[in-house]
C-alpha atoms as a PDB file:
ATOM      1  CA  MET A   1      30.765 -12.843  42.447  1.00  0.00           C
ATOM      2  CA  GLU A   2      28.599 -10.211  40.512  1.00  0.00           C
ATOM      3  CA  ILE A   3      28.119 -10.484  37.470  1.00  0.00           C
ATOM      4  CA  LYS A   4      26.779  -7.275  35.134  1.00  0.00           C
ATOM      5  CA  ASN A   5      24.806  -6.888  32.225  1.00  0.00           C
ATOM      6  CA  ASN A   6      23.987 -10.777  31.816  1.00  0.00           C
ATOM      7  CA  ILE A   7      23.492 -11.362  28.624  1.00  0.00           C
ATOM      8  CA  TYR A   8      22.166 -14.896  29.627  1.00  0.00           C
ATOM      9  CA  SER A   9      18.521 -15.544  30.045  1.00  0.00           C
ATOM     10  CA  SER A  10      17.336 -17.251  33.291  1.00  0.00           C
ATOM     11  CA  ILE A  11      15.353 -20.778  32.904  1.00  0.00           C
ATOM     12  CA  GLU A  12      12.612 -18.933  34.030  1.00  0.00           C
ATOM     13  CA  GLN A  13      12.930 -16.336  31.145  1.00  0.00           C
ATOM     14  CA  VAL A  14      13.096 -19.012  28.807  1.00  0.00           C
ATOM     15  CA  THR A  15      10.510 -20.889  29.953  1.00  0.00           C
ATOM     16  CA  GLY A  16       7.904 -18.246  29.878  1.00  0.00           C
ATOM     17  CA  GLN A  17       9.203 -17.008  26.139  1.00  0.00           C
ATOM     18  CA  TYR A  18       7.873 -20.203  24.990  1.00  0.00           C
ATOM     19  CA  LEU A  19       5.292 -21.310  26.821  1.00  0.00           C
ATOM     20  CA  ASN A  20       3.590 -18.491  26.636  1.00  0.00           C
ATOM     21  CA  HIS A  21       4.302 -18.178  22.766  1.00  0.00           C
ATOM     22  CA  LYS A  22       1.084 -18.703  20.324  1.00  0.00           C
ATOM     23  CA  THR A  23       1.309 -19.553  17.083  1.00  0.00           C
ATOM     24  CA  LYS A  24      -1.195 -17.688  14.587  1.00  0.00           C
ATOM     25  CA  GLU A  25      -2.644 -20.816  13.857  1.00  0.00           C
ATOM     26  CA  SER A  26      -3.820 -21.498  17.483  1.00  0.00           C
ATOM     27  CA  THR A  27      -4.899 -18.095  17.927  1.00  0.00           C
ATOM     28  CA  ASP A  28      -7.112 -17.909  14.684  1.00  0.00           C
ATOM     29  CA  ALA A  29      -8.809 -21.177  15.384  1.00  0.00           C
ATOM     30  CA  ALA A  30      -9.126 -20.095  19.237  1.00  0.00           C
ATOM     31  CA  ALA A  31     -10.986 -16.964  17.972  1.00  0.00           C
ATOM     32  CA  MET A  32     -13.078 -19.161  15.312  1.00  0.00           C
ATOM     33  CA  GLN A  33     -13.980 -21.514  18.318  1.00  0.00           C
ATOM     34  CA  GLY A  34     -18.483 -19.672  18.861  1.00  0.00           C
ATOM     35  CA  MET A  35     -18.274 -17.867  15.648  1.00  0.00           C
ATOM     36  CA  SER A  36     -21.342 -18.834  13.580  1.00  0.00           C
ATOM     37  CA  PHE A  37     -20.131 -20.071  10.103  1.00  0.00           C
ATOM     38  CA  GLU A  38     -21.075 -16.956   8.450  1.00  0.00           C
ATOM     39  CA  ASP A  39     -19.115 -15.288  10.634  1.00  0.00           C
ATOM     40  CA  VAL A  40     -16.063 -17.129   9.863  1.00  0.00           C
ATOM     41  CA  LEU A  41     -17.030 -16.635   6.343  1.00  0.00           C
ATOM     42  CA  ARG A  42     -16.989 -12.898   6.221  1.00  0.00           C
ATOM     43  CA  GLN A  43     -13.912 -12.818   8.407  1.00  0.00           C
ATOM     44  CA  GLN A  44     -11.527 -14.405   5.442  1.00  0.00           C
ATOM     45  CA  TRP A  45     -14.178 -12.594   2.478  1.00  0.00           C
ATOM     46  CA  GLN A  46     -12.617  -9.750   4.341  1.00  0.00           C
ATOM     47  CA  VAL A  47      -8.798 -10.770   4.455  1.00  0.00           C
ATOM     48  CA  GLN A  48      -9.047 -11.453   0.641  1.00  0.00           C
ATOM     49  CA  GLU A  49     -10.233  -8.724   0.363  1.00  0.00           C
ATOM     50  CA  ASN A  50      -7.573  -6.949   1.827  1.00  0.00           C
ATOM     51  CA  VAL A  51      -4.820  -8.801   0.242  1.00  0.00           C
ATOM     52  CA  ALA A  52      -6.091  -8.206  -3.281  1.00  0.00           C
ATOM     53  CA  THR A  53      -6.009  -4.243  -2.911  1.00  0.00           C
ATOM     54  CA  GLU A  54      -2.561  -3.965  -1.115  1.00  0.00           C
ATOM     55  CA  GLY A  55      -0.885  -3.235  -3.759  1.00  0.00           C
ATOM     56  CA  SER A  56      -3.102  -1.159  -5.065  1.00  0.00           C
ATOM     57  CA  LEU A  57      -2.676   2.810  -5.274  1.00  0.00           C
ATOM     58  CA  LYS A  58      -4.065   5.149  -3.632  1.00  0.00           C
ATOM     59  CA  PHE A  59      -5.985   8.215  -3.995  1.00  0.00           C
ATOM     60  CA  SER A  60      -5.188  11.456  -2.011  1.00  0.00           C
ATOM     61  CA  LYS A  61      -7.305  13.973  -0.875  1.00  0.00           C
ATOM     62  CA  HIS A  62      -6.095  16.288  -3.343  1.00  0.00           C
ATOM     63  CA  ALA A  63      -6.242  14.291  -6.229  1.00  0.00           C
ATOM     64  CA  GLY A  64      -9.068  12.301  -5.516  1.00  0.00           C
ATOM     65  CA  GLU A  65     -10.213  16.439  -5.912  1.00  0.00           C
ATOM     66  CA  ARG A  66      -8.085  16.857  -8.848  1.00  0.00           C
ATOM     67  CA  LEU A  67      -9.930  14.211 -10.715  1.00  0.00           C
ATOM     68  CA  ARG A  68     -13.667  15.656  -9.761  1.00  0.00           C
ATOM     69  CA  GLN A  69     -12.301  18.719 -10.635  1.00  0.00           C
ATOM     70  CA  ARG A  70     -11.126  18.226 -14.247  1.00  0.00           C
ATOM     71  CA  ASN A  71     -13.506  15.338 -14.858  1.00  0.00           C
ATOM     72  CA  ILE A  72     -11.313  12.574 -15.094  1.00  0.00           C
ATOM     73  CA  THR A  73     -12.311   8.969 -15.239  1.00  0.00           C
ATOM     74  CA  LEU A  74     -10.416   6.898 -15.241  1.00  0.00           C
ATOM     75  CA  SER A  75     -11.257   3.044 -17.322  1.00  0.00           C
ATOM     76  CA  ASP A  76     -10.274  -0.102 -14.816  1.00  0.00           C
ATOM     77  CA  GLU A  77      -7.526  -0.887 -17.794  1.00  0.00           C
ATOM     78  CA  GLN A  78      -5.906   2.497 -17.278  1.00  0.00           C
ATOM     79  CA  MET A  79      -5.966   1.963 -13.538  1.00  0.00           C
ATOM     80  CA  LYS A  80      -4.198  -1.094 -14.064  1.00  0.00           C
ATOM     81  CA  ARG A  81      -1.175   0.430 -15.676  1.00  0.00           C
ATOM     82  CA  LEU A  82      -1.224   3.240 -13.769  1.00  0.00           C
ATOM     83  CA  GLN A  83      -0.681   1.413 -10.969  1.00  0.00           C
ATOM     84  CA  ASP A  84       1.695  -0.910 -13.635  1.00  0.00           C
ATOM     85  CA  GLY A  85       3.724   2.443 -13.791  1.00  0.00           C
ATOM     86  CA  ALA A  86       3.917   3.377 -10.594  1.00  0.00           C
ATOM     87  CA  ARG A  87       5.421   0.080  -9.662  1.00  0.00           C
ATOM     88  CA  LYS A  88       7.695   0.295 -11.898  1.00  0.00           C
ATOM     89  CA  ALA A  89       8.761   3.400 -10.511  1.00  0.00           C
ATOM     90  CA  GLU A  90       9.730   2.223  -7.763  1.00  0.00           C
ATOM     91  CA  GLU A  91      11.317  -0.798  -8.716  1.00  0.00           C
ATOM     92  CA  LYS A  92      14.181   1.863 -10.118  1.00  0.00           C
ATOM     93  CA  GLY A  93      13.925   3.752  -7.288  1.00  0.00           C
ATOM     94  CA  ILE A  94      11.727   6.496  -7.444  1.00  0.00           C
ATOM     95  CA  LYS A  95      10.595   8.192  -4.981  1.00  0.00           C
ATOM     96  CA  GLU A  96       8.264  11.295  -6.328  1.00  0.00           C
ATOM     97  CA  SER A  97       7.183   9.836  -9.879  1.00  0.00           C
ATOM     98  CA  LEU A  98       5.469  11.376 -12.849  1.00  0.00           C
ATOM     99  CA  VAL A  99       3.491   8.749 -14.671  1.00  0.00           C
ATOM    100  CA  ILE A 100       2.301  10.245 -18.069  1.00  0.00           C
ATOM    101  CA  MET A 101      -0.082   8.096 -19.421  1.00  0.00           C
ATOM    102  CA  ASP A 102      -2.113   9.453 -22.637  1.00  0.00           C
ATOM    103  CA  ILE A 103      -3.323  12.868 -21.979  1.00  0.00           C
ATOM    104  CA  LEU A 104      -3.440  12.474 -18.451  1.00  0.00           C
ATOM    105  CA  SER A 105       0.050  12.871 -15.972  1.00  0.00           C
ATOM    106  CA  PHE A 106      -0.211  12.011 -12.159  1.00  0.00           C
ATOM    107  CA  ILE A 107       2.449  12.350  -9.472  1.00  0.00           C
ATOM    108  CA  VAL A 108       3.087   9.349  -7.468  1.00  0.00           C
ATOM    109  CA  ASN A 109       4.352   9.000  -4.434  1.00  0.00           C
ATOM    110  CA  THR A 110       5.832   4.888  -4.027  1.00  0.00           C
ATOM    111  CA  GLY A 111       6.921   4.925  -0.954  1.00  0.00           C
ATOM    112  CA  ASN A 112       3.625   4.787   0.335  1.00  0.00           C
ATOM    113  CA  ASN A 113       1.863   4.204  -3.368  1.00  0.00           C
ATOM    114  CA  THR A 114      -0.592   6.877  -3.166  1.00  0.00           C
ATOM    115  CA  VAL A 115      -1.282   9.116  -6.177  1.00  0.00           C
ATOM    116  CA  ILE A 116      -0.825  12.675  -4.843  1.00  0.00           C
ATOM    117  CA  THR A 117      -2.187  14.998  -8.516  1.00  0.00           C
ATOM    118  CA  ALA A 118      -3.769  14.422 -11.383  1.00  0.00           C
ATOM    119  CA  MET A 119      -4.068  16.599 -14.690  1.00  0.00           C
ATOM    120  CA  GLU A 120      -4.545  16.057 -18.447  1.00  0.00           C
ATOM    121  CA  GLN A 121      -2.373  17.535 -20.540  1.00  0.00           C
ATOM    122  CA  SER A 122      -3.628  20.430 -22.825  1.00  0.00           C
ATOM    123  CA  SER A 123      -1.152  22.355 -25.259  1.00  0.00           C
ATOM    124  CA  ASP A 124      -2.447  26.172 -23.534  1.00  0.00           C
ATOM    125  CA  ALA A 125      -1.070  24.393 -20.216  1.00  0.00           C
ATOM    126  CA  ASP A 126       2.399  24.678 -19.406  1.00  0.00           C
ATOM    127  CA  ASN A 127       2.620  21.368 -18.324  1.00  0.00           C
ATOM    128  CA  ILE A 128       5.509  21.958 -15.877  1.00  0.00           C
ATOM    129  CA  TYR A 129       5.438  19.428 -13.068  1.00  0.00           C
ATOM    130  CA  THR A 130       8.220  20.598 -10.061  1.00  0.00           C
ATOM    131  CA  ASN A 131       9.235  17.847  -6.657  1.00  0.00           C
ATOM    132  CA  ILE A 132       9.810  14.623  -8.704  1.00  0.00           C
ATOM    133  CA  ASP A 133      13.175  12.964  -9.263  1.00  0.00           C
ATOM    134  CA  GLY A 134      11.644  10.875 -12.037  1.00  0.00           C
ATOM    135  CA  ALA A 135       9.024  10.056 -14.684  1.00  0.00           C
ATOM    136  CA  VAL A 136       7.704   7.036 -16.574  1.00  0.00           C
ATOM    137  CA  ILE A 137       5.429   6.949 -19.731  1.00  0.00           C
ATOM    138  CA  ILE A 138       2.896   4.442 -20.357  1.00  0.00           C
END
């Protein structure tokens, strides 16, 4: 009798899956053996920094250049407000959001959490924004 498209695993395949499977904790513990306390502490510090910056906005090269060209600097409070605006836009399903804050405007791609461009609103500029699908005013 010949069985085609065998969907059942053999005992050897199942045994190999479970015996060779290592948990994250056992892998971490094995990796830390032989490391100095300083190395372990430094590694854990980096993990905590990565977690802290996970929700942070990134600035594209273009946005960074625009900030420098236009002499725009953001305070910590403004950064928090900008991140909050980007988060609200993402919650509403906006992919390319215009975030207006004080006299500043930012185009934010919420999918990759990146500020694409930044500008100051002024009365002598056209203030035309294209390729957005929503706006957040904070």
